[in-house]
Amino acid sequence: MTPFIELANSRYSVRSFNPRSVEPEKMARILEAGRVAPTAKNNQPQRIKVITEAEDLSKVDECTPCRYGAPAVLLVCYDENSCWTRPFDGANSGEVDAGIVTTHLMFAAQELGLGTCWVMYFDAAKTTRLFVLPENIVPVAMLPVGYPAEDAAPSHQHGTRLPIDDIILK
């Protein structure tokens, strides 16, 4: 098993995918990682739409230019009716919970030899309309998933990280 820090360091945003389909057993393992992700008060508001059919992938392409030819896209959403709300200021946990879930999905895919790219650059209203999402379901991220193309490589910015002292508040 790969130590987590190696997995985290090797993961990058794949922007060129091989058209090869993701095996159902691999997709099931990725989705299980999203199912067990921690959420506020364990309310589990995450809702994930698995998009693999050509017609639905065309809908993704209408909502974002960032599918990069992936044969599958996970549309990560949250159910507004299931979120925890912080009593001090009314902050809703939905986006944070969906972010945690997306991270779990991303690392599970990486562990299985698949690539992903966290996409927030999409038209949420159009996505809701084209995929006929209920009013209480809020899309947060699209996660293209698949085998990286032979020419796939990290962006030039991938290895650029702030020094640890710059991210620690004093």
N, C-alpha and C. Protein backbone atom coordinates (compact mmCIF):
# COMPACT_ATOMS: atom_id res chain seq x y z
N MET A 1 0.85 -1.18 0.00
CA MET A 1 0.00 0.00 0.00
C MET A 1 0.89 1.25 0.00
N THR A 2 0.54 2.21 -0.81
CA THR A 2 1.30 3.45 -0.93
C THR A 2 1.07 4.33 0.30
N PRO A 3 2.15 4.79 0.94
CA PRO A 3 1.96 5.75 2.04
C PRO A 3 1.20 6.99 1.53
N PHE A 4 0.34 7.54 2.38
CA PHE A 4 -0.52 8.63 1.95
C PHE A 4 0.26 9.81 1.36
N ILE A 5 1.36 10.21 1.99
CA ILE A 5 2.09 11.39 1.49
C ILE A 5 2.62 11.14 0.07
N GLU A 6 2.99 9.91 -0.24
CA GLU A 6 3.42 9.59 -1.61
C GLU A 6 2.23 9.68 -2.57
N LEU A 7 1.09 9.17 -2.14
CA LEU A 7 -0.12 9.26 -2.95
C LEU A 7 -0.47 10.72 -3.20
N ALA A 8 -0.42 11.54 -2.16
CA ALA A 8 -0.76 12.96 -2.28
C ALA A 8 0.23 13.69 -3.19
N ASN A 9 1.50 13.36 -3.08
CA ASN A 9 2.51 14.02 -3.91
C ASN A 9 2.44 13.59 -5.37
N SER A 10 2.00 12.37 -5.63
CA SER A 10 1.97 11.87 -7.01
C SER A 10 0.69 12.28 -7.75
N ARG A 11 -0.36 12.64 -7.03
CA ARG A 11 -1.62 13.03 -7.65
C ARG A 11 -1.48 14.39 -8.34
N TYR A 12 -2.03 14.49 -9.50
CA TYR A 12 -2.07 15.79 -10.19
C TYR A 12 -3.36 15.88 -10.99
N SER A 13 -3.71 17.07 -11.42
CA SER A 13 -4.92 17.29 -12.21
C SER A 13 -4.68 16.82 -13.63
N VAL A 14 -5.36 15.75 -14.00
CA VAL A 14 -5.21 15.18 -15.34
C VAL A 14 -6.10 15.97 -16.29
N ARG A 15 -5.48 16.45 -17.36
CA ARG A 15 -6.22 17.24 -18.35
C ARG A 15 -6.15 16.62 -19.75
N SER A 16 -5.90 15.31 -19.76
CA SER A 16 -5.89 14.55 -21.01
C SER A 16 -6.11 13.08 -20.66
N PHE A 17 -7.28 12.56 -21.06
CA PHE A 17 -7.65 11.20 -20.68
C PHE A 17 -7.66 10.25 -21.86
N ASN A 18 -7.35 9.01 -21.60
CA ASN A 18 -7.51 7.90 -22.51
C ASN A 18 -9.01 7.59 -22.54
N PRO A 19 -9.58 7.22 -23.67
CA PRO A 19 -11.03 6.96 -23.72
C PRO A 19 -11.45 5.65 -23.04
N ARG A 20 -10.50 4.84 -22.60
CA ARG A 20 -10.80 3.55 -21.96
C ARG A 20 -11.76 3.74 -20.78
N SER A 21 -12.78 2.93 -20.72
CA SER A 21 -13.77 3.01 -19.64
C SER A 21 -13.17 2.60 -18.30
N VAL A 22 -13.73 3.15 -17.25
CA VAL A 22 -13.35 2.78 -15.89
C VAL A 22 -14.14 1.52 -15.53
N GLU A 23 -13.44 0.51 -15.05
CA GLU A 23 -14.08 -0.75 -14.68
C GLU A 23 -15.08 -0.51 -13.55
N PRO A 24 -16.24 -1.19 -13.60
CA PRO A 24 -17.26 -1.01 -12.57
C PRO A 24 -16.75 -1.26 -11.15
N GLU A 25 -15.88 -2.25 -10.97
CA GLU A 25 -15.37 -2.52 -9.63
C GLU A 25 -14.47 -1.39 -9.12
N LYS A 26 -13.75 -0.73 -10.01
CA LYS A 26 -12.95 0.42 -9.60
C LYS A 26 -13.85 1.60 -9.26
N MET A 27 -14.87 1.82 -10.08
CA MET A 27 -15.80 2.91 -9.78
C MET A 27 -16.49 2.65 -8.45
N ALA A 28 -16.83 1.42 -8.17
CA ALA A 28 -17.48 1.09 -6.89
C ALA A 28 -16.56 1.40 -5.71
N ARG A 29 -15.27 1.12 -5.85
CA ARG A 29 -14.32 1.43 -4.78
C ARG A 29 -14.17 2.93 -4.59
N ILE A 30 -14.16 3.67 -5.67
CA ILE A 30 -14.07 5.13 -5.58
C ILE A 30 -15.31 5.68 -4.87
N LEU A 31 -16.47 5.21 -5.27
CA LEU A 31 -17.71 5.69 -4.66
C LEU A 31 -17.79 5.32 -3.18
N GLU A 32 -17.26 4.17 -2.82
CA GLU A 32 -17.23 3.77 -1.41
C GLU A 32 -16.38 4.75 -0.60
N ALA A 33 -15.29 5.21 -1.18
CA ALA A 33 -14.45 6.21 -0.50
C ALA A 33 -15.24 7.49 -0.26
N GLY A 34 -16.09 7.86 -1.20
CA GLY A 34 -16.95 9.04 -1.02
C GLY A 34 -18.04 8.80 0.00
N ARG A 35 -18.52 7.57 0.07
CA ARG A 35 -19.58 7.24 1.02
C ARG A 35 -19.08 7.32 2.46
N VAL A 36 -17.84 6.91 2.70
CA VAL A 36 -17.32 6.87 4.08
C VAL A 36 -16.61 8.17 4.48
N ALA A 37 -16.58 9.15 3.61
CA ALA A 37 -15.92 10.42 3.93
C ALA A 37 -16.60 11.08 5.13
N PRO A 38 -15.81 11.76 5.96
CA PRO A 38 -16.42 12.45 7.10
C PRO A 38 -17.23 13.66 6.65
N THR A 39 -18.35 13.86 7.32
CA THR A 39 -19.19 15.03 7.06
C THR A 39 -19.63 15.61 8.41
N ALA A 40 -20.02 16.86 8.39
CA ALA A 40 -20.42 17.53 9.63
C ALA A 40 -21.56 16.78 10.29
N LYS A 41 -21.35 16.45 11.55
CA LYS A 41 -22.36 15.76 12.37
C LYS A 41 -22.76 14.42 11.75
N ASN A 42 -21.94 13.93 10.80
CA ASN A 42 -22.20 12.68 10.07
C ASN A 42 -23.57 12.70 9.38
N ASN A 43 -24.00 13.89 8.94
CA ASN A 43 -25.29 14.01 8.27
C ASN A 43 -25.28 13.44 6.85
N GLN A 44 -24.09 13.29 6.28
CA GLN A 44 -23.92 12.69 4.95
C GLN A 44 -24.81 13.31 3.87
N PRO A 45 -24.67 14.61 3.65
CA PRO A 45 -25.51 15.25 2.63
C PRO A 45 -25.01 15.05 1.20
N GLN A 46 -23.89 14.37 1.03
CA GLN A 46 -23.34 14.20 -0.32
C GLN A 46 -24.25 13.37 -1.20
N ARG A 47 -24.36 13.82 -2.42
CA ARG A 47 -25.10 13.09 -3.45
C ARG A 47 -24.21 13.12 -4.69
N ILE A 48 -23.95 11.96 -5.26
CA ILE A 48 -23.00 11.85 -6.37
C ILE A 48 -23.71 11.25 -7.58
N LYS A 49 -23.65 11.95 -8.68
CA LYS A 49 -24.20 11.43 -9.93
C LYS A 49 -23.03 10.88 -10.75
N VAL A 50 -23.13 9.61 -11.12
CA VAL A 50 -22.10 8.96 -11.94
C VAL A 50 -22.52 9.13 -13.39
N ILE A 51 -21.67 9.78 -14.16
CA ILE A 51 -21.98 10.11 -15.55
C ILE A 51 -21.01 9.36 -16.46
N THR A 52 -21.55 8.39 -17.23
CA THR A 52 -20.70 7.61 -18.13
C THR A 52 -21.30 7.44 -19.53
N GLU A 53 -22.57 7.68 -19.67
CA GLU A 53 -23.23 7.50 -20.97
C GLU A 53 -22.89 8.67 -21.89
N ALA A 54 -22.72 8.40 -23.18
CA ALA A 54 -22.32 9.42 -24.15
C ALA A 54 -23.26 10.63 -24.13
N GLU A 55 -24.56 10.38 -24.06
CA GLU A 55 -25.53 11.48 -24.05
C GLU A 55 -25.33 12.39 -22.84
N ASP A 56 -25.07 11.78 -21.69
CA ASP A 56 -24.87 12.58 -20.47
C ASP A 56 -23.50 13.25 -20.46
N LEU A 57 -22.49 12.60 -21.03
CA LEU A 57 -21.17 13.25 -21.13
C LEU A 57 -21.26 14.47 -22.04
N SER A 58 -22.12 14.42 -23.07
CA SER A 58 -22.35 15.59 -23.93
C SER A 58 -22.96 16.73 -23.13
N LYS A 59 -23.84 16.39 -22.18
CA LYS A 59 -24.41 17.41 -21.31
C LYS A 59 -23.32 18.06 -20.45
N VAL A 60 -22.41 17.23 -19.93
CA VAL A 60 -21.27 17.77 -19.16
C VAL A 60 -20.52 18.77 -20.03
N ASP A 61 -20.27 18.39 -21.29
CA ASP A 61 -19.53 19.27 -22.21
C ASP A 61 -20.26 20.58 -22.47
N GLU A 62 -21.58 20.59 -22.33
CA GLU A 62 -22.33 21.83 -22.47
C GLU A 62 -22.15 22.74 -21.26
N CYS A 63 -21.79 22.15 -20.13
CA CYS A 63 -21.68 22.90 -18.88
C CYS A 63 -20.26 23.35 -18.56
N THR A 64 -19.28 22.68 -19.15
CA THR A 64 -17.88 23.00 -18.87
C THR A 64 -16.99 22.54 -20.01
N PRO A 65 -15.90 23.27 -20.27
CA PRO A 65 -14.91 22.79 -21.25
C PRO A 65 -13.88 21.88 -20.59
N CYS A 66 -14.08 21.51 -19.35
CA CYS A 66 -13.04 20.85 -18.55
C CYS A 66 -13.28 19.36 -18.31
N ARG A 67 -13.89 18.66 -19.24
CA ARG A 67 -14.00 17.20 -19.10
C ARG A 67 -12.74 16.53 -19.58
N TYR A 68 -12.05 17.14 -20.52
CA TYR A 68 -10.76 16.66 -21.02
C TYR A 68 -10.82 15.25 -21.59
N GLY A 69 -11.98 14.86 -22.13
CA GLY A 69 -12.12 13.55 -22.75
C GLY A 69 -12.27 12.39 -21.78
N ALA A 70 -12.50 12.67 -20.51
CA ALA A 70 -12.67 11.60 -19.52
C ALA A 70 -13.90 10.76 -19.86
N PRO A 71 -13.81 9.45 -19.68
CA PRO A 71 -14.95 8.58 -19.98
C PRO A 71 -16.00 8.55 -18.87
N ALA A 72 -15.68 9.18 -17.73
CA ALA A 72 -16.62 9.24 -16.61
C ALA A 72 -16.45 10.57 -15.90
N VAL A 73 -17.55 11.06 -15.36
CA VAL A 73 -17.53 12.28 -14.55
C VAL A 73 -18.39 12.01 -13.33
N LEU A 74 -17.86 12.36 -12.18
CA LEU A 74 -18.64 12.29 -10.95
C LEU A 74 -19.09 13.70 -10.63
N LEU A 75 -20.39 13.90 -10.61
CA LEU A 75 -20.97 15.19 -10.26
C LEU A 75 -21.25 15.15 -8.76
N VAL A 76 -20.47 15.89 -8.00
CA VAL A 76 -20.58 15.87 -6.55
C VAL A 76 -21.46 17.03 -6.11
N CYS A 77 -22.52 16.67 -5.39
CA CYS A 77 -23.52 17.63 -4.94
C CYS A 77 -23.75 17.45 -3.45
N TYR A 78 -24.58 18.33 -2.90
CA TYR A 78 -25.06 18.10 -1.54
C TYR A 78 -26.56 18.40 -1.50
N ASP A 79 -27.21 17.74 -0.54
CA ASP A 79 -28.64 17.92 -0.32
C ASP A 79 -28.81 18.98 0.76
N GLU A 80 -29.36 20.13 0.38
CA GLU A 80 -29.55 21.22 1.35
C GLU A 80 -30.39 20.79 2.56
N ASN A 81 -31.24 19.82 2.38
CA ASN A 81 -32.11 19.36 3.47
C ASN A 81 -31.39 18.44 4.45
N SER A 82 -30.18 18.02 4.11
CA SER A 82 -29.44 17.09 4.96
C SER A 82 -28.21 17.70 5.62
N CYS A 83 -27.92 18.95 5.32
CA CYS A 83 -26.71 19.58 5.85
C CYS A 83 -26.86 19.95 7.32
N TRP A 84 -25.73 19.99 7.98
CA TRP A 84 -25.67 20.51 9.34
C TRP A 84 -25.52 22.02 9.24
N THR A 85 -26.11 22.74 10.17
CA THR A 85 -26.00 24.19 10.21
C THR A 85 -25.37 24.61 11.53
N ARG A 86 -24.32 25.41 11.43
CA ARG A 86 -23.65 25.90 12.63
C ARG A 86 -24.57 26.88 13.34
N PRO A 87 -24.85 26.65 14.62
CA PRO A 87 -25.84 27.48 15.32
C PRO A 87 -25.38 28.92 15.58
N PHE A 88 -24.10 29.17 15.57
CA PHE A 88 -23.62 30.52 15.90
C PHE A 88 -23.87 31.54 14.81
N ASP A 89 -23.79 31.09 13.55
CA ASP A 89 -23.94 32.04 12.44
C ASP A 89 -24.77 31.50 11.28
N GLY A 90 -25.30 30.29 11.42
CA GLY A 90 -26.14 29.73 10.37
C GLY A 90 -25.38 29.17 9.18
N ALA A 91 -24.04 29.06 9.28
CA ALA A 91 -23.25 28.52 8.17
C ALA A 91 -23.66 27.08 7.90
N ASN A 92 -23.81 26.78 6.62
CA ASN A 92 -24.25 25.47 6.16
C ASN A 92 -23.02 24.64 5.79
N SER A 93 -22.99 23.35 6.15
CA SER A 93 -21.83 22.49 5.92
C SER A 93 -21.74 21.90 4.52
N GLY A 94 -22.72 22.13 3.67
CA GLY A 94 -22.82 21.44 2.39
C GLY A 94 -21.59 21.51 1.50
N GLU A 95 -21.08 22.71 1.25
CA GLU A 95 -19.91 22.82 0.36
C GLU A 95 -18.67 22.19 0.97
N VAL A 96 -18.48 22.37 2.27
CA VAL A 96 -17.33 21.76 2.93
C VAL A 96 -17.44 20.24 2.87
N ASP A 97 -18.61 19.72 3.20
CA ASP A 97 -18.82 18.27 3.14
C ASP A 97 -18.56 17.74 1.73
N ALA A 98 -19.10 18.41 0.73
CA ALA A 98 -18.89 17.98 -0.66
C ALA A 98 -17.41 18.06 -1.04
N GLY A 99 -16.71 19.05 -0.50
CA GLY A 99 -15.27 19.17 -0.76
C GLY A 99 -14.49 18.01 -0.17
N ILE A 100 -14.85 17.63 1.05
CA ILE A 100 -14.19 16.49 1.69
C ILE A 100 -14.46 15.22 0.89
N VAL A 101 -15.69 15.02 0.48
CA VAL A 101 -16.07 13.85 -0.29
C VAL A 101 -15.30 13.82 -1.61
N THR A 102 -15.22 14.96 -2.29
CA THR A 102 -14.50 15.03 -3.56
C THR A 102 -13.03 14.66 -3.38
N THR A 103 -12.44 15.11 -2.29
CA THR A 103 -11.05 14.76 -2.01
C THR A 103 -10.90 13.25 -1.82
N HIS A 104 -11.81 12.64 -1.09
CA HIS A 104 -11.77 11.18 -0.92
C HIS A 104 -11.89 10.47 -2.27
N LEU A 105 -12.80 10.92 -3.11
CA LEU A 105 -12.98 10.33 -4.43
C LEU A 105 -11.69 10.44 -5.24
N MET A 106 -11.09 11.60 -5.19
CA MET A 106 -9.88 11.89 -5.95
C MET A 106 -8.72 10.98 -5.55
N PHE A 107 -8.51 10.82 -4.24
CA PHE A 107 -7.39 9.99 -3.78
C PHE A 107 -7.67 8.51 -3.98
N ALA A 108 -8.93 8.10 -3.88
CA ALA A 108 -9.26 6.70 -4.16
C ALA A 108 -8.96 6.37 -5.62
N ALA A 109 -9.33 7.28 -6.52
CA ALA A 109 -9.04 7.08 -7.94
C ALA A 109 -7.53 7.00 -8.17
N GLN A 110 -6.78 7.88 -7.55
CA GLN A 110 -5.32 7.89 -7.70
C GLN A 110 -4.73 6.56 -7.25
N GLU A 111 -5.20 6.07 -6.12
CA GLU A 111 -4.70 4.80 -5.59
C GLU A 111 -4.93 3.64 -6.57
N LEU A 112 -6.01 3.74 -7.36
CA LEU A 112 -6.36 2.69 -8.32
C LEU A 112 -5.71 2.89 -9.69
N GLY A 113 -4.84 3.88 -9.82
CA GLY A 113 -4.16 4.12 -11.08
C GLY A 113 -4.96 4.96 -12.06
N LEU A 114 -5.99 5.63 -11.56
CA LEU A 114 -6.81 6.49 -12.39
C LEU A 114 -6.47 7.95 -12.13
N GLY A 115 -6.80 8.80 -13.07
CA GLY A 115 -6.57 10.23 -12.91
C GLY A 115 -7.89 10.95 -12.72
N THR A 116 -7.79 12.15 -12.15
CA THR A 116 -8.96 13.02 -11.95
C THR A 116 -8.53 14.46 -12.15
N CYS A 117 -9.51 15.33 -12.23
CA CYS A 117 -9.26 16.77 -12.23
C CYS A 117 -10.45 17.42 -11.54
N TRP A 118 -10.18 18.07 -10.42
CA TRP A 118 -11.26 18.74 -9.68
C TRP A 118 -11.71 19.93 -10.51
N VAL A 119 -12.98 19.94 -10.91
CA VAL A 119 -13.51 21.01 -11.75
C VAL A 119 -14.59 21.77 -10.98
N MET A 120 -14.34 23.05 -10.80
CA MET A 120 -15.36 23.94 -10.24
C MET A 120 -15.84 24.91 -11.33
N TYR A 121 -15.14 24.91 -12.45
CA TYR A 121 -15.47 25.79 -13.57
C TYR A 121 -16.56 25.15 -14.42
N PHE A 122 -17.79 25.29 -13.95
CA PHE A 122 -18.94 24.77 -14.70
C PHE A 122 -20.15 25.63 -14.37
N ASP A 123 -21.10 25.63 -15.27
CA ASP A 123 -22.33 26.39 -15.10
C ASP A 123 -23.28 25.56 -14.23
N ALA A 124 -23.39 25.92 -12.96
CA ALA A 124 -24.19 25.14 -12.01
C ALA A 124 -25.68 25.16 -12.37
N ALA A 125 -26.18 26.32 -12.80
CA ALA A 125 -27.60 26.40 -13.16
C ALA A 125 -27.91 25.51 -14.36
N LYS A 126 -27.04 25.54 -15.36
CA LYS A 126 -27.24 24.70 -16.54
C LYS A 126 -27.12 23.22 -16.17
N THR A 127 -26.17 22.91 -15.31
CA THR A 127 -25.98 21.53 -14.85
C THR A 127 -27.24 21.03 -14.16
N THR A 128 -27.78 21.85 -13.27
CA THR A 128 -29.01 21.50 -12.56
C THR A 128 -30.15 21.26 -13.54
N ARG A 129 -30.26 22.11 -14.53
CA ARG A 129 -31.33 21.99 -15.52
C ARG A 129 -31.15 20.76 -16.42
N LEU A 130 -29.95 20.58 -16.98
CA LEU A 130 -29.73 19.48 -17.92
C LEU A 130 -29.82 18.10 -17.26
N PHE A 131 -29.40 18.03 -16.00
CA PHE A 131 -29.44 16.74 -15.30
C PHE A 131 -30.69 16.60 -14.42
N VAL A 132 -31.59 17.57 -14.53
CA VAL A 132 -32.88 17.56 -13.83
C VAL A 132 -32.67 17.24 -12.35
N LEU A 133 -31.79 18.03 -11.72
CA LEU A 133 -31.54 17.85 -10.30
C LEU A 133 -32.67 18.48 -9.49
N PRO A 134 -33.09 17.84 -8.43
CA PRO A 134 -34.12 18.44 -7.58
C PRO A 134 -33.64 19.77 -7.00
N GLU A 135 -34.56 20.60 -6.62
CA GLU A 135 -34.28 21.95 -6.12
C GLU A 135 -33.33 21.95 -4.91
N ASN A 136 -33.41 20.92 -4.08
CA ASN A 136 -32.59 20.86 -2.87
C ASN A 136 -31.20 20.28 -3.10
N ILE A 137 -30.89 19.85 -4.32
CA ILE A 137 -29.58 19.28 -4.64
C ILE A 137 -28.71 20.35 -5.29
N VAL A 138 -27.56 20.63 -4.66
CA VAL A 138 -26.67 21.70 -5.10
C VAL A 138 -25.37 21.11 -5.65
N PRO A 139 -25.08 21.32 -6.94
CA PRO A 139 -23.83 20.81 -7.50
C PRO A 139 -22.64 21.66 -7.03
N VAL A 140 -21.56 20.98 -6.66
CA VAL A 140 -20.37 21.67 -6.14
C VAL A 140 -19.15 21.44 -7.01
N ALA A 141 -18.97 20.21 -7.48
CA ALA A 141 -17.76 19.89 -8.25
C ALA A 141 -18.08 18.84 -9.29
N MET A 142 -17.35 18.91 -10.39
CA MET A 142 -17.35 17.84 -11.37
C MET A 142 -15.96 17.22 -11.28
N LEU A 143 -15.93 15.90 -11.27
CA LEU A 143 -14.66 15.19 -11.16
C LEU A 143 -14.53 14.23 -12.34
N PRO A 144 -13.90 14.69 -13.44
CA PRO A 144 -13.61 13.76 -14.52
C PRO A 144 -12.71 12.65 -13.98
N VAL A 145 -13.01 11.41 -14.38
CA VAL A 145 -12.26 10.25 -13.89
C VAL A 145 -11.94 9.35 -15.07
N GLY A 146 -10.71 8.85 -15.10
CA GLY A 146 -10.34 7.90 -16.14
C GLY A 146 -8.86 7.64 -16.13
N TYR A 147 -8.42 6.89 -17.12
CA TYR A 147 -7.00 6.59 -17.26
C TYR A 147 -6.33 7.77 -17.96
N PRO A 148 -5.25 8.27 -17.40
CA PRO A 148 -4.56 9.38 -18.05
C PRO A 148 -4.06 8.98 -19.44
N ALA A 149 -4.13 9.90 -20.38
CA ALA A 149 -3.58 9.67 -21.72
C ALA A 149 -2.05 9.59 -21.61
N GLU A 150 -1.45 9.02 -22.62
CA GLU A 150 0.02 8.88 -22.60
C GLU A 150 0.72 10.22 -22.45
N ASP A 151 0.14 11.27 -23.00
CA ASP A 151 0.77 12.59 -22.94
C ASP A 151 0.35 13.40 -21.70
N ALA A 152 -0.44 12.81 -20.82
CA ALA A 152 -0.88 13.53 -19.61
C ALA A 152 0.32 13.82 -18.71
N ALA A 153 0.33 15.02 -18.17
CA ALA A 153 1.43 15.43 -17.29
C ALA A 153 0.92 16.54 -16.36
N PRO A 154 1.54 16.67 -15.22
CA PRO A 154 1.15 17.76 -14.32
C PRO A 154 1.39 19.12 -14.97
N SER A 155 0.61 20.11 -14.57
CA SER A 155 0.84 21.46 -15.08
C SER A 155 2.17 21.98 -14.56
N HIS A 156 2.67 23.02 -15.16
CA HIS A 156 3.94 23.60 -14.72
C HIS A 156 3.86 24.14 -13.30
N GLN A 157 2.67 24.42 -12.81
CA GLN A 157 2.50 24.96 -11.46
C GLN A 157 2.35 23.87 -10.39
N HIS A 158 2.22 22.62 -10.81
CA HIS A 158 1.89 21.54 -9.89
C HIS A 158 2.84 21.45 -8.69
N GLY A 159 4.11 21.54 -8.92
CA GLY A 159 5.08 21.38 -7.83
C GLY A 159 5.33 22.63 -7.02
N THR A 160 4.71 23.73 -7.41
CA THR A 160 4.93 24.99 -6.70
C THR A 160 4.07 25.01 -5.45
N ARG A 161 4.72 25.01 -4.32
CA ARG A 161 4.02 25.02 -3.03
C ARG A 161 4.66 26.07 -2.12
N LEU A 162 3.84 26.69 -1.31
CA LEU A 162 4.37 27.63 -0.32
C LEU A 162 5.18 26.87 0.71
N PRO A 163 6.18 27.52 1.29
CA PRO A 163 6.91 26.88 2.40
C PRO A 163 5.96 26.66 3.57
N ILE A 164 6.21 25.63 4.36
CA ILE A 164 5.33 25.29 5.48
C ILE A 164 5.13 26.47 6.43
N ASP A 165 6.17 27.28 6.62
CA ASP A 165 6.05 28.44 7.53
C ASP A 165 5.06 29.48 7.01
N ASP A 166 4.82 29.49 5.70
CA ASP A 166 3.89 30.46 5.14
C ASP A 166 2.42 30.03 5.29
N ILE A 167 2.18 28.76 5.58
CA ILE A 167 0.80 28.32 5.71
C ILE A 167 0.38 28.12 7.18
N ILE A 168 1.31 28.21 8.08
CA ILE A 168 1.02 28.07 9.50
C ILE A 168 0.76 29.44 10.10
N LEU A 169 -0.44 29.62 10.65
CA LEU A 169 -0.75 30.90 11.32
C LEU A 169 -0.05 30.94 12.67
N LYS A 170 0.49 32.08 12.96
CA LYS A 170 1.17 32.25 14.24
C LYS A 170 0.39 33.15 15.14
